[in-house]
Amino acid sequence: MRIQIRHIGLEGMDLQESFPADIIEIAQDDPLRFVAPFEIAAKVISADDEVVAMVTAKSSYASFCSRCLEEIEREWAVNFTLTFNAKEHSEFIDVDEDIRQELILNLPVRTLCQADCKGLCIDCGENLNKQECKHKHAVTDVNNKP
């Protein structure tokens, strides 16, 4: 995505682009994989000697629940702001690498199938969301307080 500095009007400019899901180069064995392209929208403004891009990125990913290991698919969106010194760029600013790095920094670290996922039995491995097992389990909240 290129920002043409001279085309930024008083109201700013809107840019949209689609990036392929493999732009962030996730390892093949990583449990997280994006299943849709990244839809990027940016509102670009010029203020004094700075060019500011307010970016929204959207996609969908597939992964495994961190507690019960069920496969899940989720919508994903992130907002971030990029700021550039206009004096350091003559005609345009290429923001592809900056966007790629922000996407990587904002990847979900851990996903859950549901907020109150019960996980797996530590004794038999049964998915406790689907059925109870014969083992006694201490009830804890999300913060691991009994």
C-alpha atoms as a PDB file:
ATOM      1  CA  MET A   1       0.000   0.000   0.000  1.00  0.00           C
ATOM      2  CA  ARG A   2       1.479   3.292  -1.094  1.00  0.00           C
ATOM      3  CA  ILE A   3       0.554   6.658   0.308  1.00  0.00           C
ATOM      4  CA  GLN A   4       1.000   9.372  -2.316  1.00  0.00           C
ATOM      5  CA  ILE A   5       1.946  12.327  -0.127  1.00  0.00           C
ATOM      6  CA  ARG A   6       0.837  15.031  -2.562  1.00  0.00           C
ATOM      7  CA  HIS A   7      -2.638  13.447  -2.903  1.00  0.00           C
ATOM      8  CA  ILE A   8      -3.474  13.867   0.776  1.00  0.00           C
ATOM      9  CA  GLY A   9      -6.121  16.590   0.799  1.00  0.00           C
ATOM     10  CA  LEU A  10      -7.382  18.727   3.639  1.00  0.00           C
ATOM     11  CA  GLU A  11      -9.887  16.007   4.579  1.00  0.00           C
ATOM     12  CA  GLY A  12      -7.239  13.320   4.299  1.00  0.00           C
ATOM     13  CA  MET A  13      -7.594  10.288   2.080  1.00  0.00           C
ATOM     14  CA  ASP A  14      -9.033   6.806   2.381  1.00  0.00           C
ATOM     15  CA  LEU A  15      -7.135   3.778   1.129  1.00  0.00           C
ATOM     16  CA  GLN A  16      -8.205   0.149   0.900  1.00  0.00           C
ATOM     17  CA  GLU A  17      -6.276  -2.922  -0.097  1.00  0.00           C
ATOM     18  CA  SER A  18      -6.372  -6.661   0.323  1.00  0.00           C
ATOM     19  CA  PHE A  19      -3.260  -8.602   1.356  1.00  0.00           C
ATOM     20  CA  PRO A  20      -2.938 -12.387   1.033  1.00  0.00           C
ATOM     21  CA  ALA A  21      -3.047 -14.302   4.312  1.00  0.00           C
ATOM     22  CA  ASP A  22       0.515 -15.579   3.863  1.00  0.00           C
ATOM     23  CA  ILE A  23       1.960 -12.049   4.060  1.00  0.00           C
ATOM     24  CA  ILE A  24       2.750 -12.577   7.741  1.00  0.00           C
ATOM     25  CA  GLU A  25       4.633 -15.824   7.074  1.00  0.00           C
ATOM     26  CA  ILE A  26       3.320 -17.978   9.907  1.00  0.00           C
ATOM     27  CA  ALA A  27       5.274 -21.235  10.262  1.00  0.00           C
ATOM     28  CA  GLN A  28       3.654 -24.315   8.708  1.00  0.00           C
ATOM     29  CA  ASP A  29       3.461 -26.104  12.061  1.00  0.00           C
ATOM     30  CA  ASP A  30       1.912 -23.125  13.888  1.00  0.00           C
ATOM     31  CA  PRO A  31      -1.592 -23.969  15.170  1.00  0.00           C
ATOM     32  CA  LEU A  32      -2.852 -20.528  14.072  1.00  0.00           C
ATOM     33  CA  ARG A  33      -3.529 -19.993  10.376  1.00  0.00           C
ATOM     34  CA  PHE A  34      -5.398 -17.234   8.602  1.00  0.00           C
ATOM     35  CA  VAL A  35      -8.125 -18.531   6.293  1.00  0.00           C
ATOM     36  CA  ALA A  36      -9.051 -15.258   4.583  1.00  0.00           C
ATOM     37  CA  PRO A  37      -7.083 -12.378   3.099  1.00  0.00           C
ATOM     38  CA  PHE A  38      -6.402  -9.319   5.237  1.00  0.00           C
ATOM     39  CA  GLU A  39      -8.745  -6.483   4.314  1.00  0.00           C
ATOM     40  CA  ILE A  40      -6.899  -3.263   5.076  1.00  0.00           C
ATOM     41  CA  ALA A  41      -8.557   0.158   5.335  1.00  0.00           C
ATOM     42  CA  ALA A  42      -6.606   3.283   6.191  1.00  0.00           C
ATOM     43  CA  LYS A  43      -7.557   6.886   6.847  1.00  0.00           C
ATOM     44  CA  VAL A  44      -4.507   9.012   6.063  1.00  0.00           C
ATOM     45  CA  ILE A  45      -4.053  12.596   7.187  1.00  0.00           C
ATOM     46  CA  SER A  46      -1.229  15.072   6.954  1.00  0.00           C
ATOM     47  CA  ALA A  47      -0.447  17.204   9.991  1.00  0.00           C
ATOM     48  CA  ASP A  48       2.490  19.593   9.926  1.00  0.00           C
ATOM     49  CA  ASP A  49       5.460  17.465   8.847  1.00  0.00           C
ATOM     50  CA  GLU A  50       3.836  14.140   9.699  1.00  0.00           C
ATOM     51  CA  VAL A  51       1.731  11.693   7.759  1.00  0.00           C
ATOM     52  CA  VAL A  52      -0.562   9.656  10.007  1.00  0.00           C
ATOM     53  CA  ALA A  53      -2.352   6.496   8.864  1.00  0.00           C
ATOM     54  CA  MET A  54      -5.108   5.081  11.078  1.00  0.00           C
ATOM     55  CA  VAL A  55      -5.387   1.478   9.934  1.00  0.00           C
ATOM     56  CA  THR A  56      -7.996  -1.229  10.426  1.00  0.00           C
ATOM     57  CA  ALA A  57      -7.150  -4.791   9.396  1.00  0.00           C
ATOM     58  CA  LYS A  58      -9.700  -7.624   9.256  1.00  0.00           C
ATOM     59  CA  SER A  59      -9.445 -11.327   8.487  1.00  0.00           C
ATOM     60  CA  SER A  60     -10.485 -14.758   9.800  1.00  0.00           C
ATOM     61  CA  TYR A  61      -8.276 -17.371  11.383  1.00  0.00           C
ATOM     62  CA  ALA A  62      -8.485 -21.006  12.404  1.00  0.00           C
ATOM     63  CA  SER A  63      -6.768 -22.395  15.470  1.00  0.00           C
ATOM     64  CA  PHE A  64      -7.307 -24.676  18.440  1.00  0.00           C
ATOM     65  CA  CYS A  65      -8.860 -23.776  21.780  1.00  0.00           C
ATOM     66  CA  SER A  66      -6.085 -23.362  24.331  1.00  0.00           C
ATOM     67  CA  ARG A  67      -8.057 -25.295  26.957  1.00  0.00           C
ATOM     68  CA  CYS A  68      -9.974 -28.086  25.206  1.00  0.00           C
ATOM     69  CA  LEU A  69      -8.076 -28.323  21.882  1.00  0.00           C
ATOM     70  CA  GLU A  70     -11.247 -28.108  19.750  1.00  0.00           C
ATOM     71  CA  GLU A  71     -10.690 -26.519  16.351  1.00  0.00           C
ATOM     72  CA  ILE A  72     -12.209 -23.063  16.088  1.00  0.00           C
ATOM     73  CA  GLU A  73     -12.533 -20.327  13.492  1.00  0.00           C
ATOM     74  CA  ARG A  74     -12.785 -16.669  14.450  1.00  0.00           C
ATOM     75  CA  GLU A  75     -13.173 -13.265  12.858  1.00  0.00           C
ATOM     76  CA  TRP A  76     -10.197 -11.060  13.678  1.00  0.00           C
ATOM     77  CA  ALA A  77      -9.745  -7.298  13.539  1.00  0.00           C
ATOM     78  CA  VAL A  78      -7.114  -4.914  14.787  1.00  0.00           C
ATOM     79  CA  ASN A  79      -6.672  -1.132  14.736  1.00  0.00           C
ATOM     80  CA  PHE A  80      -3.337   0.647  14.811  1.00  0.00           C
ATOM     81  CA  THR A  81      -1.768   3.950  13.856  1.00  0.00           C
ATOM     82  CA  LEU A  82       1.337   4.500  11.771  1.00  0.00           C
ATOM     83  CA  THR A  83       3.173   7.835  11.814  1.00  0.00           C
ATOM     84  CA  PHE A  84       5.805   8.956   9.321  1.00  0.00           C
ATOM     85  CA  ASN A  85       7.965  12.043   8.960  1.00  0.00           C
ATOM     86  CA  ALA A  86       6.892  13.559   5.621  1.00  0.00           C
ATOM     87  CA  LYS A  87      10.279  15.253   5.157  1.00  0.00           C
ATOM     88  CA  GLU A  88      11.996  11.840   5.012  1.00  0.00           C
ATOM     89  CA  HIS A  89       9.890  10.758   2.005  1.00  0.00           C
ATOM     90  CA  SER A  90       9.832  12.503  -1.349  1.00  0.00           C
ATOM     91  CA  GLU A  91       6.706  11.380  -3.222  1.00  0.00           C
ATOM     92  CA  PHE A  92       5.237   8.357  -1.498  1.00  0.00           C
ATOM     93  CA  ILE A  93       5.408   6.175   1.583  1.00  0.00           C
ATOM     94  CA  ASP A  94       5.307   2.403   1.118  1.00  0.00           C
ATOM     95  CA  VAL A  95       3.599   1.038   4.248  1.00  0.00           C
ATOM     96  CA  ASP A  96       3.386  -2.679   3.363  1.00  0.00           C
ATOM     97  CA  GLU A  97       6.197  -3.738   5.713  1.00  0.00           C
ATOM     98  CA  ASP A  98       4.904  -1.538   8.539  1.00  0.00           C
ATOM     99  CA  ILE A  99       1.440  -3.097   8.183  1.00  0.00           C
ATOM    100  CA  ARG A 100       2.915  -6.614   8.082  1.00  0.00           C
ATOM    101  CA  GLN A 101       4.850  -5.989  11.292  1.00  0.00           C
ATOM    102  CA  GLU A 102       1.763  -4.594  13.065  1.00  0.00           C
ATOM    103  CA  LEU A 103      -0.259  -7.641  11.986  1.00  0.00           C
ATOM    104  CA  ILE A 104       2.385  -9.937  13.461  1.00  0.00           C
ATOM    105  CA  LEU A 105       2.562  -7.954  16.716  1.00  0.00           C
ATOM    106  CA  ASN A 106      -1.213  -8.178  17.101  1.00  0.00           C
ATOM    107  CA  LEU A 107      -1.653 -11.903  16.430  1.00  0.00           C
ATOM    108  CA  PRO A 108      -3.821 -13.641  18.998  1.00  0.00           C
ATOM    109  CA  VAL A 109      -1.586 -15.369  21.520  1.00  0.00           C
ATOM    110  CA  ARG A 110      -4.234 -17.686  22.862  1.00  0.00           C
ATOM    111  CA  THR A 111      -7.780 -18.431  21.756  1.00  0.00           C
ATOM    112  CA  LEU A 112     -10.705 -20.049  23.528  1.00  0.00           C
ATOM    113  CA  CYS A 113     -13.727 -21.780  22.003  1.00  0.00           C
ATOM    114  CA  GLN A 114     -15.875 -19.942  24.578  1.00  0.00           C
ATOM    115  CA  ALA A 115     -15.064 -17.664  27.500  1.00  0.00           C
ATOM    116  CA  ASP A 116     -16.031 -20.300  30.076  1.00  0.00           C
ATOM    117  CA  CYS A 117     -14.362 -23.294  28.387  1.00  0.00           C
ATOM    118  CA  LYS A 118     -13.934 -26.078  30.959  1.00  0.00           C
ATOM    119  CA  GLY A 119     -10.949 -27.624  29.176  1.00  0.00           C
ATOM    120  CA  LEU A 120      -9.819 -31.243  29.420  1.00  0.00           C
ATOM    121  CA  CYS A 121      -9.853 -33.577  32.424  1.00  0.00           C
ATOM    122  CA  ILE A 122      -6.303 -33.789  33.725  1.00  0.00           C
ATOM    123  CA  ASP A 123      -6.828 -37.483  34.528  1.00  0.00           C
ATOM    124  CA  CYS A 124      -8.581 -38.954  31.486  1.00  0.00           C
ATOM    125  CA  GLY A 125      -8.399 -36.193  28.851  1.00  0.00           C
ATOM    126  CA  GLU A 126     -12.192 -35.957  28.396  1.00  0.00           C
ATOM    127  CA  ASN A 127     -13.449 -32.671  26.964  1.00  0.00           C
ATOM    128  CA  LEU A 128     -15.414 -31.314  29.924  1.00  0.00           C
ATOM    129  CA  ASN A 129     -17.499 -29.052  27.678  1.00  0.00           C
ATOM    130  CA  LYS A 130     -19.058 -32.123  26.061  1.00  0.00           C
ATOM    131  CA  GLN A 131     -19.570 -34.417  29.036  1.00  0.00           C
ATOM    132  CA  GLU A 132     -18.639 -34.933  32.645  1.00  0.00           C
ATOM    133  CA  CYS A 133     -16.149 -37.595  33.578  1.00  0.00           C
ATOM    134  CA  LYS A 134     -15.916 -39.695  36.743  1.00  0.00           C
ATOM    135  CA  HIS A 135     -13.055 -37.644  38.222  1.00  0.00           C
ATOM    136  CA  LYS A 136     -13.546 -34.919  40.823  1.00  0.00           C
ATOM    137  CA  HIS A 137     -12.462 -31.479  39.656  1.00  0.00           C
ATOM    138  CA  ALA A 138     -11.967 -28.417  41.798  1.00  0.00           C
ATOM    139  CA  VAL A 139     -14.012 -25.513  40.492  1.00  0.00           C
ATOM    140  CA  THR A 140     -11.848 -22.527  39.696  1.00  0.00           C
ATOM    141  CA  ASP A 141     -12.567 -19.260  37.989  1.00  0.00           C
ATOM    142  CA  VAL A 142     -10.666 -17.785  35.064  1.00  0.00           C
ATOM    143  CA  ASN A 143      -8.116 -16.240  37.449  1.00  0.00           C
ATOM    144  CA  ASN A 144      -7.361 -19.680  38.945  1.00  0.00           C
ATOM    145  CA  LYS A 145      -8.921 -18.815  42.311  1.00  0.00           C
ATOM    146  CA  PRO A 146     -10.716 -21.735  44.018  1.00  0.00           C
END
